[in-house]
């Protein structure tokens, strides 16, 4: 299932991680493992924030996806199922068949 992984890194933890080099290394390692469809980095509510679109094939992968960010940055994380345009078309077609 395609998921939007939102990772918000508090300023103090982000500053520490930049200074000690762990921000870059954890992000690079995580992106290499996750192989995201897309990854965007921005500022949200005063926190460094990443929006990463990943395919989660098995729900048991969630701890291995999230824990590096919890441990490395004390990040706040949310995961939200998302669709692309083709998924939406297929879902609407199924919905119309049921009505």
PDB file of N, CA and C in Angstrom:
ATOM      1  N   UNK A   1       0.851  -1.172   0.000  1.00  0.00           N
ATOM      2  CA  UNK A   1       0.000   0.000   0.000  1.00  0.00           C
ATOM      3  C   UNK A   1       0.898   1.237   0.000  1.00  0.00           C
ATOM      4  N   UNK A   2       0.555   2.174  -0.848  1.00  0.00           N
ATOM      5  CA  UNK A   2       1.311   3.432  -0.891  1.00  0.00           C
ATOM      6  C   UNK A   2       0.945   4.271   0.328  1.00  0.00           C
ATOM      7  N   UNK A   3       1.983   4.721   1.021  1.00  0.00           N
ATOM      8  CA  UNK A   3       1.783   5.505   2.236  1.00  0.00           C
ATOM      9  C   UNK A   3       2.577   6.800   2.153  1.00  0.00           C
ATOM     10  N   UNK A   4       2.000   7.840   2.749  1.00  0.00           N
ATOM     11  CA  UNK A   4       2.719   9.092   2.958  1.00  0.00           C
ATOM     12  C   UNK A   4       3.276   9.039   4.370  1.00  0.00           C
ATOM     13  N   UNK A   5       4.588   9.047   4.449  1.00  0.00           N
ATOM     14  CA  UNK A   5       5.295   9.054   5.723  1.00  0.00           C
ATOM     15  C   UNK A   5       5.705  10.499   5.983  1.00  0.00           C
ATOM     16  N   UNK A   6       5.151  11.089   7.037  1.00  0.00           N
ATOM     17  CA  UNK A   6       5.507  12.459   7.422  1.00  0.00           C
ATOM     18  C   UNK A   6       6.385  12.378   8.650  1.00  0.00           C
ATOM     19  N   UNK A   7       7.589  12.915   8.530  1.00  0.00           N
ATOM     20  CA  UNK A   7       8.560  12.881   9.610  1.00  0.00           C
ATOM     21  C   UNK A   7       8.873  14.310  10.013  1.00  0.00           C
ATOM     22  N   UNK A   8       8.526  14.679  11.243  1.00  0.00           N
ATOM     23  CA  UNK A   8       8.793  16.024  11.747  1.00  0.00           C
ATOM     24  C   UNK A   8       9.872  15.943  12.811  1.00  0.00           C
ATOM     25  N   UNK A   9      10.955  16.678  12.582  1.00  0.00           N
ATOM     26  CA  UNK A   9      12.117  16.632  13.468  1.00  0.00           C
ATOM     27  C   UNK A   9      12.169  17.933  14.269  1.00  0.00           C
ATOM     28  N   UNK A  10      12.044  17.848  15.590  1.00  0.00           N
ATOM     29  CA  UNK A  10      12.115  19.055  16.416  1.00  0.00           C
ATOM     30  C   UNK A  10      13.440  19.788  16.194  1.00  0.00           C
ATOM     31  N   UNK A  11      13.406  21.115  16.324  1.00  0.00           N
ATOM     32  CA  UNK A  11      14.582  21.950  16.026  1.00  0.00           C
ATOM     33  C   UNK A  11      15.815  21.521  16.811  1.00  0.00           C
ATOM     34  N   UNK A  12      15.695  21.316  18.112  1.00  0.00           N
ATOM     35  CA  UNK A  12      16.873  20.989  18.930  1.00  0.00           C
ATOM     36  C   UNK A  12      17.499  19.664  18.492  1.00  0.00           C
ATOM     37  N   UNK A  13      16.674  18.652  18.267  1.00  0.00           N
ATOM     38  CA  UNK A  13      17.191  17.356  17.840  1.00  0.00           C
ATOM     39  C   UNK A  13      17.767  17.437  16.425  1.00  0.00           C
ATOM     40  N   UNK A  14      17.131  18.224  15.570  1.00  0.00           N
ATOM     41  CA  UNK A  14      17.649  18.411  14.220  1.00  0.00           C
ATOM     42  C   UNK A  14      18.992  19.125  14.221  1.00  0.00           C
ATOM     43  N   UNK A  15      19.122  20.144  15.073  1.00  0.00           N
ATOM     44  CA  UNK A  15      20.397  20.863  15.184  1.00  0.00           C
ATOM     45  C   UNK A  15      21.511  19.916  15.632  1.00  0.00           C
ATOM     46  N   UNK A  16      21.223  19.120  16.657  1.00  0.00           N
ATOM     47  CA  UNK A  16      22.206  18.154  17.151  1.00  0.00           C
ATOM     48  C   UNK A  16      22.583  17.164  16.049  1.00  0.00           C
ATOM     49  N   UNK A  17      21.573  16.667  15.331  1.00  0.00           N
ATOM     50  CA  UNK A  17      21.818  15.665  14.289  1.00  0.00           C
ATOM     51  C   UNK A  17      22.612  16.238  13.113  1.00  0.00           C
ATOM     52  N   UNK A  18      22.414  17.492  12.807  1.00  0.00           N
ATOM     53  CA  UNK A  18      23.212  18.127  11.751  1.00  0.00           C
ATOM     54  C   UNK A  18      24.655  18.268  12.209  1.00  0.00           C
ATOM     55  N   UNK A  19      24.827  18.730  13.446  1.00  0.00           N
ATOM     56  CA  UNK A  19      26.186  18.935  13.973  1.00  0.00           C
ATOM     57  C   UNK A  19      26.974  17.636  14.061  1.00  0.00           C
ATOM     58  N   UNK A  20      26.326  16.546  14.474  1.00  0.00           N
ATOM     59  CA  UNK A  20      27.073  15.291  14.623  1.00  0.00           C
ATOM     60  C   UNK A  20      27.056  14.424  13.358  1.00  0.00           C
ATOM     61  N   UNK A  21      26.376  14.907  12.312  1.00  0.00           N
ATOM     62  CA  UNK A  21      26.370  14.203  11.029  1.00  0.00           C
ATOM     63  C   UNK A  21      25.332  13.106  10.906  1.00  0.00           C
ATOM     64  N   UNK A  22      24.562  12.867  11.959  1.00  0.00           N
ATOM     65  CA  UNK A  22      23.606  11.760  11.900  1.00  0.00           C
ATOM     66  C   UNK A  22      22.378  12.065  11.044  1.00  0.00           C
ATOM     67  N   UNK A  23      22.017  13.335  10.881  1.00  0.00           N
ATOM     68  CA  UNK A  23      20.841  13.643  10.069  1.00  0.00           C
ATOM     69  C   UNK A  23      21.055  13.138   8.644  1.00  0.00           C
ATOM     70  N   UNK A  24      22.175  13.509   8.060  1.00  0.00           N
ATOM     71  CA  UNK A  24      22.445  13.080   6.680  1.00  0.00           C
ATOM     72  C   UNK A  24      22.581  11.566   6.587  1.00  0.00           C
ATOM     73  N   UNK A  25      23.288  10.960   7.520  1.00  0.00           N
ATOM     74  CA  UNK A  25      23.516   9.515   7.415  1.00  0.00           C
ATOM     75  C   UNK A  25      22.233   8.711   7.625  1.00  0.00           C
ATOM     76  N   UNK A  26      21.425   9.101   8.590  1.00  0.00           N
ATOM     77  CA  UNK A  26      20.161   8.381   8.818  1.00  0.00           C
ATOM     78  C   UNK A  26      19.215   8.560   7.638  1.00  0.00           C
ATOM     79  N   UNK A  27      19.118   9.780   7.125  1.00  0.00           N
ATOM     80  CA  UNK A  27      18.243  10.016   5.963  1.00  0.00           C
ATOM     81  C   UNK A  27      18.717   9.223   4.753  1.00  0.00           C
ATOM     82  N   UNK A  28      20.013   9.269   4.458  1.00  0.00           N
ATOM     83  CA  UNK A  28      20.537   8.548   3.292  1.00  0.00           C
ATOM     84  C   UNK A  28      20.301   7.048   3.419  1.00  0.00           C
ATOM     85  N   UNK A  29      20.597   6.487   4.581  1.00  0.00           N
ATOM     86  CA  UNK A  29      20.398   5.051   4.793  1.00  0.00           C
ATOM     87  C   UNK A  29      18.919   4.687   4.679  1.00  0.00           C
ATOM     88  N   UNK A  30      18.059   5.491   5.293  1.00  0.00           N
ATOM     89  CA  UNK A  30      16.618   5.213   5.248  1.00  0.00           C
ATOM     90  C   UNK A  30      16.083   5.307   3.829  1.00  0.00           C
ATOM     91  N   UNK A  31      16.479   6.328   3.097  1.00  0.00           N
ATOM     92  CA  UNK A  31      16.006   6.473   1.713  1.00  0.00           C
ATOM     93  C   UNK A  31      16.496   5.319   0.845  1.00  0.00           C
ATOM     94  N   UNK A  32      17.720   4.873   1.059  1.00  0.00           N
ATOM     95  CA  UNK A  32      18.235   3.740   0.293  1.00  0.00           C
ATOM     96  C   UNK A  32      17.433   2.472   0.580  1.00  0.00           C
ATOM     97  N   UNK A  33      17.057   2.271   1.838  1.00  0.00           N
ATOM     98  CA  UNK A  33      16.289   1.083   2.216  1.00  0.00           C
ATOM     99  C   UNK A  33      14.826   1.178   1.789  1.00  0.00           C
ATOM    100  N   UNK A  34      14.240   2.368   1.922  1.00  0.00           N
ATOM    101  CA  UNK A  34      12.816   2.541   1.618  1.00  0.00           C
ATOM    102  C   UNK A  34      12.523   2.598   0.124  1.00  0.00           C
ATOM    103  N   UNK A  35      13.495   3.050  -0.652  1.00  0.00           N
ATOM    104  CA  UNK A  35      13.305   3.221  -2.101  1.00  0.00           C
ATOM    105  C   UNK A  35      11.985   3.962  -2.378  1.00  0.00           C
ATOM    106  N   UNK A  36      11.869   5.195  -1.896  1.00  0.00           N
ATOM    107  CA  UNK A  36      10.594   5.910  -2.019  1.00  0.00           C
ATOM    108  C   UNK A  36      10.253   6.271  -3.454  1.00  0.00           C
ATOM    109  N   UNK A  37       8.964   6.386  -3.693  1.00  0.00           N
ATOM    110  CA  UNK A  37       8.461   6.894  -4.969  1.00  0.00           C
ATOM    111  C   UNK A  37       8.854   8.361  -5.116  1.00  0.00           C
ATOM    112  N   UNK A  38       8.815   9.077  -4.001  1.00  0.00           N
ATOM    113  CA  UNK A  38       9.211  10.490  -3.965  1.00  0.00           C
ATOM    114  C   UNK A  38       9.531  10.856  -2.522  1.00  0.00           C
ATOM    115  N   UNK A  39      10.395  11.847  -2.366  1.00  0.00           N
ATOM    116  CA  UNK A  39      10.730  12.357  -1.035  1.00  0.00           C
ATOM    117  C   UNK A  39      10.920  13.863  -1.143  1.00  0.00           C
ATOM    118  N   UNK A  40      10.258  14.592  -0.253  1.00  0.00           N
ATOM    119  CA  UNK A  40      10.332  16.050  -0.239  1.00  0.00           C
ATOM    120  C   UNK A  40      10.685  16.507   1.170  1.00  0.00           C
ATOM    121  N   UNK A  41      11.438  17.586   1.250  1.00  0.00           N
ATOM    122  CA  UNK A  41      11.908  18.093   2.531  1.00  0.00           C
ATOM    123  C   UNK A  41      11.553  19.564   2.628  1.00  0.00           C
ATOM    124  N   UNK A  42      11.000  19.956   3.788  1.00  0.00           N
ATOM    125  CA  UNK A  42      10.500  21.319   3.948  1.00  0.00           C
ATOM    126  C   UNK A  42      10.466  21.677   5.429  1.00  0.00           C
ATOM    127  N   UNK A  43       9.834  22.777   5.725  1.00  0.00           N
ATOM    128  CA  UNK A  43       9.612  23.245   7.087  1.00  0.00           C
ATOM    129  C   UNK A  43       8.106  23.198   7.337  1.00  0.00           C
ATOM    130  N   UNK A  44       7.686  22.627   8.467  1.00  0.00           N
ATOM    131  CA  UNK A  44       6.266  22.568   8.808  1.00  0.00           C
ATOM    132  C   UNK A  44       6.121  22.835  10.301  1.00  0.00           C
ATOM    133  N   UNK A  45       5.389  23.877  10.637  1.00  0.00           N
ATOM    134  CA  UNK A  45       5.149  24.252  12.036  1.00  0.00           C
ATOM    135  C   UNK A  45       6.455  24.395  12.820  1.00  0.00           C
ATOM    136  N   UNK A  46       7.476  24.920  12.181  1.00  0.00           N
ATOM    137  CA  UNK A  46       8.742  25.172  12.842  1.00  0.00           C
ATOM    138  C   UNK A  46       9.686  23.992  12.918  1.00  0.00           C
ATOM    139  N   UNK A  47       9.284  22.842  12.391  1.00  0.00           N
ATOM    140  CA  UNK A  47      10.126  21.649  12.425  1.00  0.00           C
ATOM    141  C   UNK A  47      10.624  21.298  11.030  1.00  0.00           C
ATOM    142  N   UNK A  48      11.834  20.755  10.967  1.00  0.00           N
ATOM    143  CA  UNK A  48      12.312  20.166   9.720  1.00  0.00           C
ATOM    144  C   UNK A  48      11.386  18.987   9.441  1.00  0.00           C
ATOM    145  N   UNK A  49      10.883  18.898   8.216  1.00  0.00           N
ATOM    146  CA  UNK A  49       9.873  17.891   7.912  1.00  0.00           C
ATOM    147  C   UNK A  49      10.164  17.230   6.580  1.00  0.00           C
ATOM    148  N   UNK A  50       9.996  15.915   6.561  1.00  0.00           N
ATOM    149  CA  UNK A  50      10.129  15.141   5.331  1.00  0.00           C
ATOM    150  C   UNK A  50       8.776  14.525   5.004  1.00  0.00           C
ATOM    151  N   UNK A  51       8.420  14.560   3.731  1.00  0.00           N
ATOM    152  CA  UNK A  51       7.243  13.869   3.205  1.00  0.00           C
ATOM    153  C   UNK A  51       7.784  12.805   2.257  1.00  0.00           C
ATOM    154  N   UNK A  52       7.643  11.555   2.646  1.00  0.00           N
ATOM    155  CA  UNK A  52       8.225  10.459   1.883  1.00  0.00           C
ATOM    156  C   UNK A  52       7.106   9.499   1.482  1.00  0.00           C
ATOM    157  N   UNK A  53       7.016   9.218   0.191  1.00  0.00           N
ATOM    158  CA  UNK A  53       5.984   8.333  -0.330  1.00  0.00           C
ATOM    159  C   UNK A  53       6.605   6.957  -0.546  1.00  0.00           C
ATOM    160  N   UNK A  54       6.112   5.974   0.206  1.00  0.00           N
ATOM    161  CA  UNK A  54       6.688   4.629   0.172  1.00  0.00           C
ATOM    162  C   UNK A  54       5.599   3.578  -0.037  1.00  0.00           C
ATOM    163  N   UNK A  55       6.017   2.446  -0.575  1.00  0.00           N
ATOM    164  CA  UNK A  55       5.119   1.310  -0.712  1.00  0.00           C
ATOM    165  C   UNK A  55       5.372   0.387   0.477  1.00  0.00           C
ATOM    166  N   UNK A  56       4.367   0.216   1.312  1.00  0.00           N
ATOM    167  CA  UNK A  56       4.462  -0.671   2.473  1.00  0.00           C
ATOM    168  C   UNK A  56       3.726  -1.960   2.110  1.00  0.00           C
ATOM    169  N   UNK A  57       4.491  -2.980   1.802  1.00  0.00           N
ATOM    170  CA  UNK A  57       3.904  -4.244   1.360  1.00  0.00           C
ATOM    171  C   UNK A  57       3.377  -5.075   2.523  1.00  0.00           C
ATOM    172  N   UNK A  58       3.963  -4.880   3.701  1.00  0.00           N
ATOM    173  CA  UNK A  58       3.595  -5.685   4.865  1.00  0.00           C
ATOM    174  C   UNK A  58       3.558  -4.773   6.092  1.00  0.00           C
ATOM    175  N   UNK A  59       2.481  -4.810   6.820  1.00  0.00           N
ATOM    176  CA  UNK A  59       2.287  -3.953   7.983  1.00  0.00           C
ATOM    177  C   UNK A  59       3.390  -4.146   9.019  1.00  0.00           C
ATOM    178  N   UNK A  60       4.012  -5.322   9.040  1.00  0.00           N
ATOM    179  CA  UNK A  60       5.069  -5.574  10.011  1.00  0.00           C
ATOM    180  C   UNK A  60       6.345  -4.777   9.701  1.00  0.00           C
ATOM    181  N   UNK A  61       6.390  -4.113   8.558  1.00  0.00           N
ATOM    182  CA  UNK A  61       7.546  -3.277   8.207  1.00  0.00           C
ATOM    183  C   UNK A  61       7.511  -1.919   8.907  1.00  0.00           C
ATOM    184  N   UNK A  62       6.390  -1.557   9.487  1.00  0.00           N
ATOM    185  CA  UNK A  62       6.255  -0.217  10.081  1.00  0.00           C
ATOM    186  C   UNK A  62       7.322   0.070  11.146  1.00  0.00           C
ATOM    187  N   UNK A  63       7.602  -0.826  12.078  1.00  0.00           N
ATOM    188  CA  UNK A  63       8.650  -0.501  13.051  1.00  0.00           C
ATOM    189  C   UNK A  63      10.004  -0.219  12.390  1.00  0.00           C
ATOM    190  N   UNK A  64      10.402  -1.028  11.417  1.00  0.00           N
ATOM    191  CA  UNK A  64      11.704  -0.804  10.787  1.00  0.00           C
ATOM    192  C   UNK A  64      11.723   0.474   9.957  1.00  0.00           C
ATOM    193  N   UNK A  65      10.569   0.927   9.507  1.00  0.00           N
ATOM    194  CA  UNK A  65      10.489   2.196   8.782  1.00  0.00           C
ATOM    195  C   UNK A  65      10.616   3.365   9.758  1.00  0.00           C
ATOM    196  N   UNK A  66       9.911   3.301  10.871  1.00  0.00           N
ATOM    197  CA  UNK A  66       9.803   4.447  11.785  1.00  0.00           C
ATOM    198  C   UNK A  66      10.914   4.554  12.820  1.00  0.00           C
ATOM    199  N   UNK A  67      11.369   3.448  13.346  1.00  0.00           N
ATOM    200  CA  UNK A  67      12.294   3.492  14.483  1.00  0.00           C
ATOM    201  C   UNK A  67      13.575   4.289  14.237  1.00  0.00           C
ATOM    202  N   UNK A  68      14.195   4.222  13.055  1.00  0.00           N
ATOM    203  CA  UNK A  68      15.398   5.043  12.868  1.00  0.00           C
ATOM    204  C   UNK A  68      15.142   6.538  13.089  1.00  0.00           C
ATOM    205  N   UNK A  69      13.954   6.999  12.742  1.00  0.00           N
ATOM    206  CA  UNK A  69      13.614   8.415  12.908  1.00  0.00           C
ATOM    207  C   UNK A  69      13.259   8.733  14.364  1.00  0.00           C
ATOM    208  N   UNK A  70      12.593   7.801  15.040  1.00  0.00           N
ATOM    209  CA  UNK A  70      12.321   7.989  16.467  1.00  0.00           C
ATOM    210  C   UNK A  70      13.625   8.049  17.258  1.00  0.00           C
ATOM    211  N   UNK A  71      14.476   7.052  17.048  1.00  0.00           N
ATOM    212  CA  UNK A  71      15.736   6.981  17.792  1.00  0.00           C
ATOM    213  C   UNK A  71      16.690   8.094  17.411  1.00  0.00           C
ATOM    214  N   UNK A  72      16.805   8.381  16.125  1.00  0.00           N
ATOM    215  CA  UNK A  72      17.788   9.348  15.661  1.00  0.00           C
ATOM    216  C   UNK A  72      17.431  10.789  15.927  1.00  0.00           C
ATOM    217  N   UNK A  73      16.120  11.104  15.917  1.00  0.00           N
ATOM    218  CA  UNK A  73      15.717  12.516  15.969  1.00  0.00           C
ATOM    219  C   UNK A  73      14.593  12.814  16.955  1.00  0.00           C
ATOM    220  N   UNK A  74      14.084  11.804  17.654  1.00  0.00           N
ATOM    221  CA  UNK A  74      12.880  11.986  18.468  1.00  0.00           C
ATOM    222  C   UNK A  74      11.767  12.596  17.616  1.00  0.00           C
ATOM    223  N   UNK A  75      11.676  12.117  16.393  1.00  0.00           N
ATOM    224  CA  UNK A  75      10.734  12.661  15.415  1.00  0.00           C
ATOM    225  C   UNK A  75       9.288  12.303  15.743  1.00  0.00           C
ATOM    226  N   UNK A  76       8.382  13.173  15.310  1.00  0.00           N
ATOM    227  CA  UNK A  76       6.956  12.859  15.291  1.00  0.00           C
ATOM    228  C   UNK A  76       6.684  12.297  13.898  1.00  0.00           C
ATOM    229  N   UNK A  77       6.004  11.162  13.846  1.00  0.00           N
ATOM    230  CA  UNK A  77       5.797  10.483  12.572  1.00  0.00           C
ATOM    231  C   UNK A  77       4.322  10.177  12.387  1.00  0.00           C
ATOM    232  N   UNK A  78       3.857  10.368  11.169  1.00  0.00           N
ATOM    233  CA  UNK A  78       2.517   9.903  10.810  1.00  0.00           C
ATOM    234  C   UNK A  78       2.615   9.150   9.492  1.00  0.00           C
ATOM    235  N   UNK A  79       1.742   8.163   9.340  1.00  0.00           N
ATOM    236  CA  UNK A  79       1.667   7.391   8.104  1.00  0.00           C
ATOM    237  C   UNK A  79       0.221   7.438   7.633  1.00  0.00           C
ATOM    238  N   UNK A  80       0.039   7.840   6.389  1.00  0.00           N
ATOM    239  CA  UNK A  80      -1.295   7.993   5.835  1.00  0.00           C
ATOM    240  C   UNK A  80      -1.381   7.265   4.500  1.00  0.00           C
ATOM    241  N   UNK A  81      -2.369   6.392   4.311  1.00  0.00           N
ATOM    242  CA  UNK A  81      -2.523   5.760   3.000  1.00  0.00           C
ATOM    243  C   UNK A  81      -2.873   6.833   1.964  1.00  0.00           C
ATOM    244  N   UNK A  82      -2.265   6.736   0.779  1.00  0.00           N
ATOM    245  CA  UNK A  82      -2.526   7.691  -0.294  1.00  0.00           C
ATOM    246  C   UNK A  82      -2.716   6.951  -1.609  1.00  0.00           C
ATOM    247  N   UNK A  83      -3.382   7.626  -2.553  1.00  0.00           N
ATOM    248  CA  UNK A  83      -3.621   7.073  -3.885  1.00  0.00           C
ATOM    249  C   UNK A  83      -3.028   8.002  -4.930  1.00  0.00           C
ATOM    250  N   UNK A  84      -2.632   7.417  -6.061  1.00  0.00           N
ATOM    251  CA  UNK A  84      -2.319   8.251  -7.214  1.00  0.00           C
ATOM    252  C   UNK A  84      -3.583   8.332  -8.077  1.00  0.00           C
ATOM    253  N   UNK A  85      -3.517   9.023  -9.197  1.00  0.00           N
ATOM    254  CA  UNK A  85      -4.708   9.229 -10.028  1.00  0.00           C
ATOM    255  C   UNK A  85      -5.278   7.902 -10.531  1.00  0.00           C
ATOM    256  N   UNK A  86      -4.429   6.961 -10.885  1.00  0.00           N
ATOM    257  CA  UNK A  86      -4.913   5.664 -11.361  1.00  0.00           C
ATOM    258  C   UNK A  86      -5.630   4.893 -10.257  1.00  0.00           C
ATOM    259  N   UNK A  87      -5.106   4.959  -9.045  1.00  0.00           N
ATOM    260  CA  UNK A  87      -5.769   4.316  -7.908  1.00  0.00           C
ATOM    261  C   UNK A  87      -7.147   4.924  -7.675  1.00  0.00           C
ATOM    262  N   UNK A  88      -7.227   6.244  -7.748  1.00  0.00           N
ATOM    263  CA  UNK A  88      -8.510   6.924  -7.550  1.00  0.00           C
ATOM    264  C   UNK A  88      -9.513   6.506  -8.614  1.00  0.00           C
ATOM    265  N   UNK A  89      -9.071   6.483  -9.879  1.00  0.00           N
ATOM    266  CA  UNK A  89      -9.974   6.054 -10.964  1.00  0.00           C
ATOM    267  C   UNK A  89     -10.514   4.647 -10.707  1.00  0.00           C
ATOM    268  N   UNK A  90      -9.609   3.738 -10.331  1.00  0.00           N
ATOM    269  CA  UNK A  90     -10.022   2.354 -10.081  1.00  0.00           C
ATOM    270  C   UNK A  90     -10.983   2.279  -8.897  1.00  0.00           C
ATOM    271  N   UNK A  91     -10.701   3.032  -7.848  1.00  0.00           N
ATOM    272  CA  UNK A  91     -11.576   3.041  -6.679  1.00  0.00           C
ATOM    273  C   UNK A  91     -12.954   3.595  -6.988  1.00  0.00           C
ATOM    274  N   UNK A  92     -12.989   4.674  -7.770  1.00  0.00           N
ATOM    275  CA  UNK A  92     -14.282   5.257  -8.152  1.00  0.00           C
ATOM    276  C   UNK A  92     -15.068   4.309  -9.047  1.00  0.00           C
ATOM    277  N   UNK A  93     -14.361   3.610  -9.928  1.00  0.00           N
ATOM    278  CA  UNK A  93     -15.036   2.640 -10.801  1.00  0.00           C
ATOM    279  C   UNK A  93     -15.662   1.525  -9.967  1.00  0.00           C
ATOM    280  N   UNK A  94     -14.916   1.013  -8.996  1.00  0.00           N
ATOM    281  CA  UNK A  94     -15.470  -0.028  -8.110  1.00  0.00           C
ATOM    282  C   UNK A  94     -16.660   0.487  -7.318  1.00  0.00           C
ATOM    283  N   UNK A  95     -16.564   1.722  -6.836  1.00  0.00           N
ATOM    284  CA  UNK A  95     -17.637   2.311  -6.064  1.00  0.00           C
ATOM    285  C   UNK A  95     -18.904   2.418  -6.914  1.00  0.00           C
ATOM    286  N   UNK A  96     -18.746   2.837  -8.165  1.00  0.00           N
ATOM    287  CA  UNK A  96     -19.902   3.002  -9.046  1.00  0.00           C
ATOM    288  C   UNK A  96     -20.536   1.661  -9.375  1.00  0.00           C
ATOM    289  N   UNK A  97     -19.751   0.604  -9.431  1.00  0.00           N
ATOM    290  CA  UNK A  97     -20.290  -0.730  -9.720  1.00  0.00           C
ATOM    291  C   UNK A  97     -21.153  -1.242  -8.563  1.00  0.00           C
ATOM    292  N   UNK A  98     -20.870  -0.747  -7.363  1.00  0.00           N
ATOM    293  CA  UNK A  98     -21.609  -1.195  -6.176  1.00  0.00           C
ATOM    294  C   UNK A  98     -22.883  -0.409  -5.945  1.00  0.00           C
ATOM    295  N   UNK A  99     -23.023   0.730  -6.626  1.00  0.00           N
ATOM    296  CA  UNK A  99     -24.212   1.552  -6.401  1.00  0.00           C
ATOM    297  C   UNK A  99     -25.260   1.329  -7.453  1.00  0.00           C
TER     298      UNK A  99
END
